[in-house]
Amino acid sequence: MGWRFVLRRCGDDLFSIPVSSPVEAQGLAEQLRASGDWLDVVPGIDSVVVRFDATRLDAAGAQRVIEASLKAGIEPLRGCDELIEIPVVYGGEFGPDLENLCNDIGMTPAEFIALHTGKEYTVDMVGFTPGFAFIGGLDKRLRIPRRAEPRLRVEAGSVGIADGRTGLYAMASPGGWTLVGRTPHRLFDASAETPFALRAGMRVRFRAIDTSEWGE
């Protein structure tokens, strides 16, 4: 049986397709890119937006192409079976918000680290800045909003939490996430065939290390 879906018109040249999860959004976007000549296909947390060329295709025609692509169901997202371990130095200069965060939520840094490293996560999506990974499944005890005042610069490799997710900064950029640590793992390599280490659907575990292991 094919996947059940609803196409919603959200502009003269746009369709929005609700999905059940961020990983499903990524899989659908990947499939649509391969099956149609779209101006843009943008996956989000709970939907995929498709922009078509209205000078070449009317809305009804675009809908037919999308529906034909989806009738067979969504192909599994590539990389979903891949597990990557991310070493993290928590607290101190690498995680400047950890101590205040722990005071706010009523736990010790050691308790926070045990919770954060104690389970497997999934990369929901990549975006915001190149390679920035949104990693879902954060324990409900660690769910906090973004900072009221974003930083003008967050270093590459920084590990932040906000809105029920962990965020990994592949590149230095401004950012408003609460910083709990930093990883020495190279998240961006311009010379590599695949420059960014993380992509949607990958499984992730965090491992606490100390500064003596940073260069290993």
N, C-alpha and C. Protein backbone atom coordinates (compact mmCIF):
# COMPACT_ATOMS: atom_id res chain seq x y z
N MET A 1 0.85 -1.19 0.00
CA MET A 1 0.00 0.00 0.00
C MET A 1 0.88 1.24 0.00
N GLY A 2 0.54 2.23 -0.82
CA GLY A 2 1.31 3.46 -0.89
C GLY A 2 1.11 4.32 0.34
N TRP A 3 1.97 5.29 0.47
CA TRP A 3 1.91 6.20 1.62
C TRP A 3 0.71 7.12 1.50
N ARG A 4 0.00 7.34 2.57
CA ARG A 4 -1.15 8.24 2.57
C ARG A 4 -0.66 9.66 2.86
N PHE A 5 -1.01 10.58 2.02
CA PHE A 5 -0.52 11.93 2.15
C PHE A 5 -1.56 12.93 1.69
N VAL A 6 -1.35 14.19 2.07
CA VAL A 6 -2.22 15.28 1.66
C VAL A 6 -1.34 16.41 1.14
N LEU A 7 -1.65 16.91 -0.06
CA LEU A 7 -0.95 18.06 -0.61
C LEU A 7 -1.74 19.32 -0.29
N ARG A 8 -1.05 20.30 0.27
CA ARG A 8 -1.70 21.56 0.60
C ARG A 8 -1.07 22.69 -0.22
N ARG A 9 -1.90 23.38 -0.92
CA ARG A 9 -1.42 24.54 -1.69
C ARG A 9 -1.10 25.67 -0.71
N CYS A 10 0.13 26.20 -0.76
CA CYS A 10 0.51 27.26 0.18
C CYS A 10 1.12 28.46 -0.54
N GLY A 11 0.82 28.60 -1.82
CA GLY A 11 1.30 29.73 -2.61
C GLY A 11 1.06 29.46 -4.08
N ASP A 12 1.32 30.44 -4.91
CA ASP A 12 1.08 30.27 -6.34
C ASP A 12 1.91 29.14 -6.94
N ASP A 13 3.10 28.92 -6.39
CA ASP A 13 3.99 27.90 -6.93
C ASP A 13 4.51 26.96 -5.85
N LEU A 14 3.72 26.77 -4.78
CA LEU A 14 4.17 25.98 -3.65
C LEU A 14 3.14 24.95 -3.21
N PHE A 15 3.63 23.76 -2.86
CA PHE A 15 2.82 22.75 -2.17
C PHE A 15 3.53 22.39 -0.87
N SER A 16 2.74 22.16 0.18
CA SER A 16 3.26 21.66 1.45
C SER A 16 2.69 20.27 1.68
N ILE A 17 3.55 19.34 2.11
CA ILE A 17 3.14 17.96 2.35
C ILE A 17 3.43 17.62 3.80
N PRO A 18 2.42 17.47 4.66
CA PRO A 18 2.66 17.09 6.05
C PRO A 18 3.26 15.69 6.15
N VAL A 19 4.15 15.50 7.12
CA VAL A 19 4.78 14.20 7.36
C VAL A 19 4.74 13.90 8.86
N SER A 20 5.08 12.69 9.21
CA SER A 20 4.95 12.26 10.61
C SER A 20 6.22 12.45 11.42
N SER A 21 7.35 12.70 10.75
CA SER A 21 8.61 12.85 11.49
C SER A 21 9.62 13.60 10.63
N PRO A 22 10.65 14.19 11.25
CA PRO A 22 11.69 14.86 10.47
C PRO A 22 12.43 13.92 9.53
N VAL A 23 12.67 12.69 9.98
CA VAL A 23 13.38 11.74 9.12
C VAL A 23 12.53 11.39 7.90
N GLU A 24 11.21 11.25 8.10
CA GLU A 24 10.32 11.00 6.97
C GLU A 24 10.35 12.18 6.01
N ALA A 25 10.43 13.40 6.55
CA ALA A 25 10.52 14.59 5.70
C ALA A 25 11.77 14.54 4.84
N GLN A 26 12.89 14.14 5.43
CA GLN A 26 14.13 14.08 4.67
C GLN A 26 14.06 13.02 3.57
N GLY A 27 13.46 11.86 3.91
CA GLY A 27 13.32 10.80 2.91
C GLY A 27 12.43 11.21 1.76
N LEU A 28 11.33 11.88 2.08
CA LEU A 28 10.42 12.35 1.05
C LEU A 28 11.09 13.39 0.16
N ALA A 29 11.82 14.32 0.77
CA ALA A 29 12.50 15.36 0.00
C ALA A 29 13.52 14.74 -0.95
N GLU A 30 14.26 13.76 -0.46
CA GLU A 30 15.25 13.09 -1.29
C GLU A 30 14.59 12.42 -2.49
N GLN A 31 13.46 11.78 -2.24
CA GLN A 31 12.75 11.09 -3.31
C GLN A 31 12.18 12.07 -4.33
N LEU A 32 11.63 13.17 -3.87
CA LEU A 32 11.05 14.16 -4.77
C LEU A 32 12.11 14.82 -5.64
N ARG A 33 13.26 15.10 -5.06
CA ARG A 33 14.35 15.72 -5.85
C ARG A 33 14.75 14.83 -7.02
N ALA A 34 14.68 13.52 -6.80
CA ALA A 34 15.09 12.59 -7.84
C ALA A 34 14.02 12.34 -8.89
N SER A 35 12.77 12.77 -8.60
CA SER A 35 11.67 12.39 -9.48
C SER A 35 11.03 13.56 -10.21
N GLY A 36 11.51 14.78 -9.98
CA GLY A 36 10.89 15.92 -10.65
C GLY A 36 11.87 17.07 -10.79
N ASP A 37 11.59 17.95 -11.71
CA ASP A 37 12.43 19.11 -11.95
C ASP A 37 11.87 20.29 -11.18
N TRP A 38 12.14 20.31 -9.86
CA TRP A 38 11.58 21.32 -8.99
C TRP A 38 12.55 22.48 -8.79
N LEU A 39 11.99 23.68 -8.56
CA LEU A 39 12.85 24.81 -8.23
C LEU A 39 13.47 24.63 -6.86
N ASP A 40 12.73 24.03 -5.95
CA ASP A 40 13.26 23.78 -4.61
C ASP A 40 12.41 22.73 -3.91
N VAL A 41 13.05 21.94 -3.07
CA VAL A 41 12.37 20.98 -2.20
C VAL A 41 12.98 21.17 -0.82
N VAL A 42 12.16 21.62 0.14
CA VAL A 42 12.69 22.00 1.46
C VAL A 42 12.04 21.13 2.54
N PRO A 43 12.80 20.21 3.15
CA PRO A 43 12.26 19.42 4.26
C PRO A 43 12.31 20.20 5.56
N GLY A 44 11.30 20.04 6.39
CA GLY A 44 11.26 20.66 7.72
C GLY A 44 11.06 19.62 8.78
N ILE A 45 10.60 20.06 9.94
CA ILE A 45 10.37 19.14 11.05
C ILE A 45 9.14 18.28 10.81
N ASP A 46 8.05 18.87 10.27
CA ASP A 46 6.81 18.12 10.10
C ASP A 46 6.18 18.29 8.73
N SER A 47 6.94 18.77 7.76
CA SER A 47 6.40 18.94 6.41
C SER A 47 7.53 19.07 5.40
N VAL A 48 7.16 18.92 4.13
CA VAL A 48 8.08 19.19 3.01
C VAL A 48 7.40 20.19 2.10
N VAL A 49 8.11 21.23 1.73
CA VAL A 49 7.57 22.23 0.81
C VAL A 49 8.24 22.07 -0.55
N VAL A 50 7.40 22.01 -1.58
CA VAL A 50 7.88 21.85 -2.95
C VAL A 50 7.54 23.11 -3.75
N ARG A 51 8.54 23.69 -4.35
CA ARG A 51 8.32 24.85 -5.21
C ARG A 51 8.52 24.43 -6.66
N PHE A 52 7.50 24.67 -7.48
CA PHE A 52 7.57 24.29 -8.89
C PHE A 52 7.67 25.54 -9.77
N ASP A 53 8.08 25.34 -11.01
CA ASP A 53 8.22 26.44 -11.96
C ASP A 53 6.87 26.69 -12.61
N ALA A 54 6.19 27.73 -12.18
CA ALA A 54 4.83 28.01 -12.66
C ALA A 54 4.81 28.46 -14.12
N THR A 55 5.96 28.80 -14.69
CA THR A 55 6.01 29.15 -16.11
C THR A 55 6.04 27.90 -16.99
N ARG A 56 6.31 26.76 -16.40
CA ARG A 56 6.40 25.52 -17.17
C ARG A 56 5.33 24.50 -16.79
N LEU A 57 4.78 24.65 -15.58
CA LEU A 57 3.86 23.64 -15.07
C LEU A 57 2.81 24.31 -14.21
N ASP A 58 1.53 23.97 -14.45
CA ASP A 58 0.51 24.55 -13.58
C ASP A 58 0.38 23.71 -12.32
N ALA A 59 -0.43 24.17 -11.35
CA ALA A 59 -0.53 23.51 -10.07
C ALA A 59 -1.04 22.08 -10.20
N ALA A 60 -2.02 21.89 -11.09
CA ALA A 60 -2.57 20.55 -11.26
C ALA A 60 -1.51 19.60 -11.80
N GLY A 61 -0.71 20.09 -12.73
CA GLY A 61 0.36 19.25 -13.30
C GLY A 61 1.42 18.93 -12.26
N ALA A 62 1.79 19.92 -11.44
CA ALA A 62 2.77 19.68 -10.40
C ALA A 62 2.24 18.66 -9.40
N GLN A 63 0.95 18.76 -9.07
CA GLN A 63 0.36 17.82 -8.12
C GLN A 63 0.40 16.40 -8.67
N ARG A 64 0.14 16.26 -9.96
CA ARG A 64 0.17 14.91 -10.56
C ARG A 64 1.56 14.31 -10.47
N VAL A 65 2.59 15.11 -10.71
CA VAL A 65 3.97 14.60 -10.66
C VAL A 65 4.32 14.18 -9.23
N ILE A 66 3.94 15.00 -8.26
CA ILE A 66 4.22 14.67 -6.85
C ILE A 66 3.49 13.38 -6.45
N GLU A 67 2.21 13.29 -6.80
CA GLU A 67 1.44 12.11 -6.43
C GLU A 67 2.00 10.85 -7.07
N ALA A 68 2.45 10.96 -8.32
CA ALA A 68 3.03 9.79 -8.98
C ALA A 68 4.29 9.32 -8.27
N SER A 69 5.07 10.28 -7.76
CA SER A 69 6.29 9.93 -7.04
C SER A 69 5.99 9.23 -5.72
N LEU A 70 4.87 9.59 -5.10
CA LEU A 70 4.58 9.08 -3.76
C LEU A 70 3.75 7.81 -3.73
N LYS A 71 3.18 7.43 -4.87
CA LYS A 71 2.27 6.28 -4.87
C LYS A 71 2.94 5.00 -4.41
N ALA A 72 4.21 4.86 -4.70
CA ALA A 72 4.92 3.64 -4.33
C ALA A 72 5.42 3.67 -2.89
N GLY A 73 5.19 4.78 -2.18
CA GLY A 73 5.70 4.91 -0.82
C GLY A 73 7.06 5.57 -0.80
N ILE A 74 7.50 5.95 0.39
CA ILE A 74 8.78 6.63 0.54
C ILE A 74 9.90 5.60 0.73
N GLU A 75 10.96 5.76 -0.04
CA GLU A 75 12.11 4.89 0.12
C GLU A 75 12.80 5.18 1.45
N PRO A 76 13.38 4.17 2.11
CA PRO A 76 14.11 4.43 3.37
C PRO A 76 15.21 5.45 3.15
N LEU A 77 15.39 6.31 4.10
CA LEU A 77 16.41 7.34 3.99
C LEU A 77 17.79 6.71 4.10
N ARG A 78 18.67 7.05 3.16
CA ARG A 78 20.02 6.51 3.19
C ARG A 78 20.76 6.97 4.44
N GLY A 79 21.49 6.04 5.04
CA GLY A 79 22.28 6.38 6.22
C GLY A 79 21.59 6.12 7.54
N CYS A 80 20.35 5.64 7.52
CA CYS A 80 19.61 5.45 8.77
C CYS A 80 20.22 4.37 9.66
N ASP A 81 21.00 3.45 9.08
CA ASP A 81 21.60 2.39 9.88
C ASP A 81 22.98 2.77 10.40
N GLU A 82 23.46 3.94 10.03
CA GLU A 82 24.80 4.34 10.41
C GLU A 82 24.80 5.00 11.79
N LEU A 83 25.69 4.53 12.66
CA LEU A 83 25.81 5.07 14.01
C LEU A 83 27.15 5.79 14.14
N ILE A 84 27.12 7.02 14.62
CA ILE A 84 28.35 7.78 14.81
C ILE A 84 28.45 8.18 16.28
N GLU A 85 29.64 8.02 16.84
CA GLU A 85 29.87 8.42 18.23
C GLU A 85 30.55 9.79 18.23
N ILE A 86 30.01 10.70 19.02
CA ILE A 86 30.53 12.06 19.11
C ILE A 86 31.15 12.26 20.49
N PRO A 87 32.48 12.37 20.57
CA PRO A 87 33.10 12.67 21.86
C PRO A 87 32.87 14.13 22.22
N VAL A 88 32.61 14.40 23.49
CA VAL A 88 32.29 15.77 23.93
C VAL A 88 33.02 16.08 25.24
N VAL A 89 33.68 17.23 25.28
CA VAL A 89 34.14 17.79 26.55
C VAL A 89 33.02 18.66 27.07
N TYR A 90 32.45 18.28 28.19
CA TYR A 90 31.31 19.01 28.77
C TYR A 90 31.81 20.07 29.76
N GLY A 91 31.14 21.21 29.76
CA GLY A 91 31.40 22.23 30.76
C GLY A 91 32.68 23.01 30.50
N GLY A 92 33.03 23.86 31.50
CA GLY A 92 34.24 24.67 31.39
C GLY A 92 34.16 25.64 30.23
N GLU A 93 35.31 25.94 29.65
CA GLU A 93 35.34 26.88 28.53
C GLU A 93 34.63 26.33 27.30
N PHE A 94 34.51 25.01 27.20
CA PHE A 94 33.87 24.40 26.04
C PHE A 94 32.35 24.35 26.18
N GLY A 95 31.87 24.33 27.42
CA GLY A 95 30.43 24.33 27.66
C GLY A 95 30.07 25.38 28.69
N PRO A 96 30.18 26.66 28.31
CA PRO A 96 30.09 27.74 29.28
C PRO A 96 28.73 27.89 29.96
N ASP A 97 27.69 27.27 29.41
CA ASP A 97 26.36 27.42 30.00
C ASP A 97 25.98 26.26 30.91
N LEU A 98 26.83 25.24 30.99
CA LEU A 98 26.42 24.01 31.67
C LEU A 98 26.14 24.24 33.15
N GLU A 99 27.01 24.95 33.83
CA GLU A 99 26.83 25.11 35.27
C GLU A 99 25.54 25.85 35.60
N ASN A 100 25.29 26.97 34.92
CA ASN A 100 24.06 27.72 35.17
C ASN A 100 22.83 26.91 34.79
N LEU A 101 22.92 26.18 33.69
CA LEU A 101 21.81 25.33 33.27
C LEU A 101 21.47 24.31 34.36
N CYS A 102 22.48 23.67 34.90
CA CYS A 102 22.25 22.65 35.92
C CYS A 102 21.63 23.26 37.17
N ASN A 103 22.07 24.46 37.53
CA ASN A 103 21.45 25.14 38.67
C ASN A 103 19.96 25.40 38.40
N ASP A 104 19.65 25.78 37.15
CA ASP A 104 18.26 26.11 36.80
C ASP A 104 17.35 24.89 36.81
N ILE A 105 17.87 23.74 36.39
CA ILE A 105 17.02 22.56 36.27
C ILE A 105 17.16 21.62 37.46
N GLY A 106 18.02 21.98 38.42
CA GLY A 106 18.11 21.22 39.66
C GLY A 106 18.81 19.89 39.55
N MET A 107 19.94 19.86 38.86
CA MET A 107 20.74 18.65 38.82
C MET A 107 22.22 19.03 38.76
N THR A 108 23.07 18.08 39.03
CA THR A 108 24.50 18.32 38.98
C THR A 108 24.99 18.15 37.54
N PRO A 109 26.15 18.73 37.20
CA PRO A 109 26.71 18.48 35.87
C PRO A 109 26.90 17.00 35.57
N ALA A 110 27.30 16.23 36.58
CA ALA A 110 27.48 14.79 36.36
C ALA A 110 26.15 14.13 35.98
N GLU A 111 25.06 14.54 36.63
CA GLU A 111 23.74 13.99 36.31
C GLU A 111 23.33 14.39 34.90
N PHE A 112 23.59 15.64 34.54
CA PHE A 112 23.28 16.08 33.18
C PHE A 112 24.04 15.24 32.16
N ILE A 113 25.33 15.09 32.37
CA ILE A 113 26.16 14.35 31.41
C ILE A 113 25.68 12.91 31.29
N ALA A 114 25.33 12.29 32.42
CA ALA A 114 24.84 10.91 32.38
C ALA A 114 23.56 10.80 31.56
N LEU A 115 22.67 11.77 31.70
CA LEU A 115 21.43 11.75 30.90
C LEU A 115 21.73 11.96 29.42
N HIS A 116 22.59 12.95 29.14
CA HIS A 116 22.83 13.30 27.74
C HIS A 116 23.58 12.21 26.98
N THR A 117 24.45 11.50 27.67
CA THR A 117 25.22 10.44 27.02
C THR A 117 24.57 9.07 27.14
N GLY A 118 23.44 9.00 27.83
CA GLY A 118 22.87 7.70 28.19
C GLY A 118 21.91 7.10 27.19
N LYS A 119 21.78 7.69 26.01
CA LYS A 119 20.85 7.13 25.03
C LYS A 119 21.33 7.40 23.61
N GLU A 120 20.68 6.76 22.68
CA GLU A 120 20.97 6.95 21.25
C GLU A 120 19.97 7.94 20.67
N TYR A 121 20.45 8.80 19.79
CA TYR A 121 19.62 9.83 19.18
C TYR A 121 19.59 9.65 17.66
N THR A 122 18.75 10.47 17.02
CA THR A 122 18.67 10.49 15.57
C THR A 122 18.80 11.92 15.07
N VAL A 123 19.58 12.11 14.01
CA VAL A 123 19.67 13.43 13.38
C VAL A 123 18.37 13.69 12.63
N ASP A 124 17.61 14.67 13.11
CA ASP A 124 16.33 14.98 12.48
C ASP A 124 16.51 15.70 11.15
N MET A 125 17.38 16.69 11.15
CA MET A 125 17.59 17.46 9.93
C MET A 125 18.88 18.24 10.05
N VAL A 126 19.34 18.74 8.91
CA VAL A 126 20.55 19.55 8.85
C VAL A 126 20.19 20.86 8.18
N GLY A 127 20.56 21.98 8.81
CA GLY A 127 20.22 23.27 8.23
C GLY A 127 20.58 24.40 9.18
N PHE A 128 19.91 25.54 9.02
CA PHE A 128 20.18 26.76 9.78
C PHE A 128 21.47 27.39 9.28
N THR A 129 22.60 26.75 9.50
CA THR A 129 23.86 27.09 8.84
C THR A 129 24.37 25.80 8.21
N PRO A 130 25.31 25.85 7.26
CA PRO A 130 25.78 24.63 6.61
C PRO A 130 26.27 23.59 7.61
N GLY A 131 25.65 22.41 7.55
CA GLY A 131 26.06 21.30 8.39
C GLY A 131 25.55 21.28 9.80
N PHE A 132 24.82 22.33 10.23
CA PHE A 132 24.29 22.34 11.60
C PHE A 132 23.28 21.21 11.74
N ALA A 133 23.50 20.35 12.75
CA ALA A 133 22.66 19.16 12.92
C ALA A 133 21.67 19.35 14.05
N PHE A 134 20.38 19.13 13.76
CA PHE A 134 19.32 19.11 14.75
C PHE A 134 19.10 17.65 15.15
N ILE A 135 19.38 17.33 16.41
CA ILE A 135 19.35 15.95 16.86
C ILE A 135 18.23 15.79 17.89
N GLY A 136 17.24 15.00 17.57
CA GLY A 136 16.04 14.88 18.38
C GLY A 136 16.16 13.88 19.52
N GLY A 137 15.12 13.85 20.36
CA GLY A 137 15.02 12.84 21.40
C GLY A 137 15.62 13.21 22.74
N LEU A 138 15.83 14.51 22.99
CA LEU A 138 16.42 14.92 24.25
C LEU A 138 15.50 14.57 25.42
N ASP A 139 16.08 14.10 26.51
CA ASP A 139 15.30 13.76 27.70
C ASP A 139 14.47 14.97 28.13
N LYS A 140 13.24 14.74 28.53
CA LYS A 140 12.33 15.84 28.86
C LYS A 140 12.85 16.69 30.02
N ARG A 141 13.69 16.11 30.88
CA ARG A 141 14.26 16.87 31.98
C ARG A 141 15.28 17.90 31.52
N LEU A 142 15.74 17.76 30.28
CA LEU A 142 16.77 18.67 29.75
C LEU A 142 16.20 19.64 28.72
N ARG A 143 14.90 19.68 28.60
CA ARG A 143 14.28 20.51 27.56
C ARG A 143 14.12 21.95 28.05
N ILE A 144 14.83 22.85 27.41
CA ILE A 144 14.81 24.27 27.78
C ILE A 144 14.68 25.10 26.52
N PRO A 145 14.23 26.36 26.63
CA PRO A 145 14.15 27.22 25.45
C PRO A 145 15.54 27.73 25.04
N ARG A 146 15.58 28.41 23.90
CA ARG A 146 16.82 29.04 23.47
C ARG A 146 17.17 30.21 24.38
N ARG A 147 18.40 30.63 24.30
CA ARG A 147 18.85 31.77 25.06
C ARG A 147 18.10 33.04 24.65
N ALA A 148 17.86 33.91 25.60
CA ALA A 148 17.18 35.17 25.29
C ALA A 148 18.06 36.06 24.41
N GLU A 149 19.38 35.98 24.59
CA GLU A 149 20.31 36.77 23.80
C GLU A 149 21.29 35.83 23.09
N PRO A 150 21.14 35.68 21.77
CA PRO A 150 22.08 34.82 21.02
C PRO A 150 23.50 35.35 21.09
N ARG A 151 24.45 34.47 21.00
CA ARG A 151 25.86 34.85 20.90
C ARG A 151 26.17 35.27 19.46
N LEU A 152 27.10 36.20 19.32
CA LEU A 152 27.51 36.62 17.98
C LEU A 152 28.40 35.58 17.31
N ARG A 153 29.08 34.76 18.13
CA ARG A 153 29.93 33.72 17.58
C ARG A 153 29.91 32.49 18.49
N VAL A 154 29.64 31.37 17.88
CA VAL A 154 29.72 30.07 18.55
C VAL A 154 30.74 29.25 17.77
N GLU A 155 31.70 28.66 18.47
CA GLU A 155 32.78 27.95 17.79
C GLU A 155 32.30 26.66 17.14
N ALA A 156 32.95 26.29 16.05
CA ALA A 156 32.67 25.01 15.39
C ALA A 156 32.89 23.87 16.37
N GLY A 157 32.03 22.88 16.32
CA GLY A 157 32.10 21.74 17.23
C GLY A 157 31.31 21.91 18.49
N SER A 158 30.75 23.11 18.70
CA SER A 158 29.99 23.35 19.93
C SER A 158 28.73 22.50 19.97
N VAL A 159 28.39 22.07 21.18
CA VAL A 159 27.21 21.23 21.42
C VAL A 159 26.24 22.05 22.26
N GLY A 160 25.06 22.29 21.73
CA GLY A 160 24.06 23.07 22.44
C GLY A 160 22.77 22.30 22.59
N ILE A 161 21.92 22.76 23.50
CA ILE A 161 20.59 22.18 23.62
C ILE A 161 19.56 23.30 23.60
N ALA A 162 18.39 23.00 23.07
CA ALA A 162 17.27 23.94 23.03
C ALA A 162 16.06 23.24 22.44
N ASP A 163 14.89 23.56 22.97
CA ASP A 163 13.62 23.11 22.38
C ASP A 163 13.55 21.60 22.16
N GLY A 164 14.09 20.84 23.10
CA GLY A 164 13.98 19.39 23.01
C GLY A 164 14.98 18.71 22.11
N ARG A 165 15.97 19.47 21.63
CA ARG A 165 16.96 18.90 20.73
C ARG A 165 18.37 19.29 21.14
N THR A 166 19.32 18.49 20.66
CA THR A 166 20.73 18.86 20.73
C THR A 166 21.12 19.42 19.37
N GLY A 167 21.89 20.49 19.38
CA GLY A 167 22.37 21.07 18.14
C GLY A 167 23.88 21.03 18.07
N LEU A 168 24.41 20.61 16.92
CA LEU A 168 25.85 20.55 16.71
C LEU A 168 26.24 21.58 15.65
N TYR A 169 27.15 22.47 16.01
CA TYR A 169 27.63 23.50 15.10
C TYR A 169 28.79 22.95 14.28
N ALA A 170 28.56 22.73 12.99
CA ALA A 170 29.64 22.23 12.13
C ALA A 170 30.63 23.34 11.79
N MET A 171 30.14 24.58 11.81
CA MET A 171 30.97 25.74 11.48
C MET A 171 30.71 26.82 12.52
N ALA A 172 31.70 27.70 12.71
CA ALA A 172 31.50 28.84 13.62
C ALA A 172 30.43 29.75 13.04
N SER A 173 29.54 30.24 13.94
CA SER A 173 28.44 31.08 13.48
C SER A 173 27.79 31.73 14.69
N PRO A 174 26.92 32.71 14.49
CA PRO A 174 26.07 33.17 15.59
C PRO A 174 25.15 32.03 16.03
N GLY A 175 24.66 32.10 17.26
CA GLY A 175 23.77 31.04 17.71
C GLY A 175 23.15 31.34 19.07
N GLY A 176 21.96 30.81 19.27
CA GLY A 176 21.22 31.07 20.50
C GLY A 176 20.97 29.84 21.35
N TRP A 177 21.70 28.73 21.09
CA TRP A 177 21.50 27.52 21.87
C TRP A 177 22.32 27.58 23.15
N THR A 178 21.88 26.88 24.17
CA THR A 178 22.60 26.80 25.44
C THR A 178 23.77 25.83 25.27
N LEU A 179 24.99 26.32 25.44
CA LEU A 179 26.18 25.54 25.13
C LEU A 179 26.61 24.70 26.33
N VAL A 180 26.64 23.38 26.12
CA VAL A 180 26.98 22.46 27.21
C VAL A 180 28.33 21.77 26.99
N GLY A 181 28.89 21.87 25.80
CA GLY A 181 30.16 21.21 25.53
C GLY A 181 30.65 21.50 24.13
N ARG A 182 31.75 20.83 23.78
CA ARG A 182 32.28 20.95 22.42
C ARG A 182 32.96 19.65 22.05
N THR A 183 32.89 19.30 20.78
CA THR A 183 33.51 18.07 20.31
C THR A 183 34.74 18.37 19.46
N PRO A 184 35.80 17.55 19.61
CA PRO A 184 36.94 17.67 18.70
C PRO A 184 36.70 16.96 17.38
N HIS A 185 35.60 16.22 17.31
CA HIS A 185 35.28 15.49 16.08
C HIS A 185 35.10 16.48 14.94
N ARG A 186 35.71 16.21 13.81
CA ARG A 186 35.65 17.13 12.68
C ARG A 186 34.30 17.00 11.98
N LEU A 187 33.47 18.01 12.15
CA LEU A 187 32.12 17.97 11.59
C LEU A 187 32.06 18.53 10.18
N PHE A 188 33.11 19.25 9.76
CA PHE A 188 33.15 19.81 8.41
C PHE A 188 34.56 19.67 7.87
N ASP A 189 34.66 19.10 6.67
CA ASP A 189 35.95 18.94 5.99
C ASP A 189 35.74 19.28 4.52
N ALA A 190 36.18 20.46 4.12
CA ALA A 190 35.94 20.94 2.75
C ALA A 190 36.58 20.06 1.70
N SER A 191 37.62 19.31 2.07
CA SER A 191 38.32 18.48 1.09
C SER A 191 37.71 17.09 0.93
N ALA A 192 36.77 16.74 1.80
CA ALA A 192 36.17 15.41 1.76
C ALA A 192 35.10 15.32 0.69
N GLU A 193 34.86 14.10 0.21
CA GLU A 193 33.80 13.88 -0.78
C GLU A 193 32.44 14.26 -0.21
N THR A 194 32.23 13.93 1.07
CA THR A 194 31.05 14.37 1.80
C THR A 194 31.53 15.32 2.89
N PRO A 195 31.43 16.64 2.66
CA PRO A 195 32.09 17.60 3.57
C PRO A 195 31.57 17.58 4.99
N PHE A 196 30.27 17.28 5.18
CA PHE A 196 29.70 17.34 6.52
C PHE A 196 29.56 15.93 7.09
N ALA A 197 29.97 15.79 8.35
CA ALA A 197 30.00 14.47 8.98
C ALA A 197 28.62 13.91 9.28
N LEU A 198 27.64 14.78 9.49
CA LEU A 198 26.31 14.34 9.89
C LEU A 198 25.28 14.64 8.81
N ARG A 199 24.33 13.76 8.69
CA ARG A 199 23.21 13.98 7.77
C ARG A 199 21.95 13.38 8.38
N ALA A 200 20.83 13.82 7.90
CA ALA A 200 19.55 13.37 8.45
C ALA A 200 19.43 11.86 8.41
N GLY A 201 18.90 11.31 9.51
CA GLY A 201 18.69 9.87 9.60
C GLY A 201 19.79 9.12 10.31
N MET A 202 20.96 9.73 10.46
CA MET A 202 22.05 9.05 11.14
C MET A 202 21.74 8.91 12.63
N ARG A 203 22.22 7.82 13.21
CA ARG A 203 22.10 7.60 14.65
C ARG A 203 23.34 8.15 15.33
N VAL A 204 23.13 8.73 16.51
CA VAL A 204 24.21 9.43 17.22
C VAL A 204 24.23 9.03 18.68
N ARG A 205 25.42 8.81 19.21
CA ARG A 205 25.62 8.69 20.65
C ARG A 205 26.71 9.68 21.05
N PHE A 206 26.54 10.31 22.20
CA PHE A 206 27.55 11.21 22.74
C PHE A 206 28.36 10.49 23.80
N ARG A 207 29.67 10.77 23.83
CA ARG A 207 30.57 10.16 24.82
C ARG A 207 31.36 11.26 25.50
N ALA A 208 31.30 11.30 26.83
CA ALA A 208 32.02 12.32 27.58
C ALA A 208 33.51 12.01 27.61
N ILE A 209 34.33 13.03 27.32
CA ILE A 209 35.78 12.91 27.42
C ILE A 209 36.29 14.10 28.23
N ASP A 210 37.56 14.04 28.64
CA ASP A 210 38.14 15.21 29.29
C ASP A 210 39.11 15.88 28.34
N THR A 211 39.64 17.02 28.74
CA THR A 211 40.47 17.80 27.82
C THR A 211 41.76 17.08 27.42
N SER A 212 42.20 16.13 28.23
CA SER A 212 43.42 15.39 27.86
C SER A 212 43.23 14.53 26.63
N GLU A 213 41.97 14.21 26.31
CA GLU A 213 41.67 13.40 25.13
C GLU A 213 41.36 14.23 23.90
N TRP A 214 41.40 15.55 24.02
CA TRP A 214 40.95 16.42 22.93
C TRP A 214 41.70 16.17 21.63
N GLY A 215 43.00 15.97 21.70
CA GLY A 215 43.78 15.82 20.46
C GLY A 215 43.95 14.40 20.01
N GLU A 216 43.35 13.44 20.67
CA GLU A 216 43.55 12.03 20.31
C GLU A 216 42.74 11.62 19.10
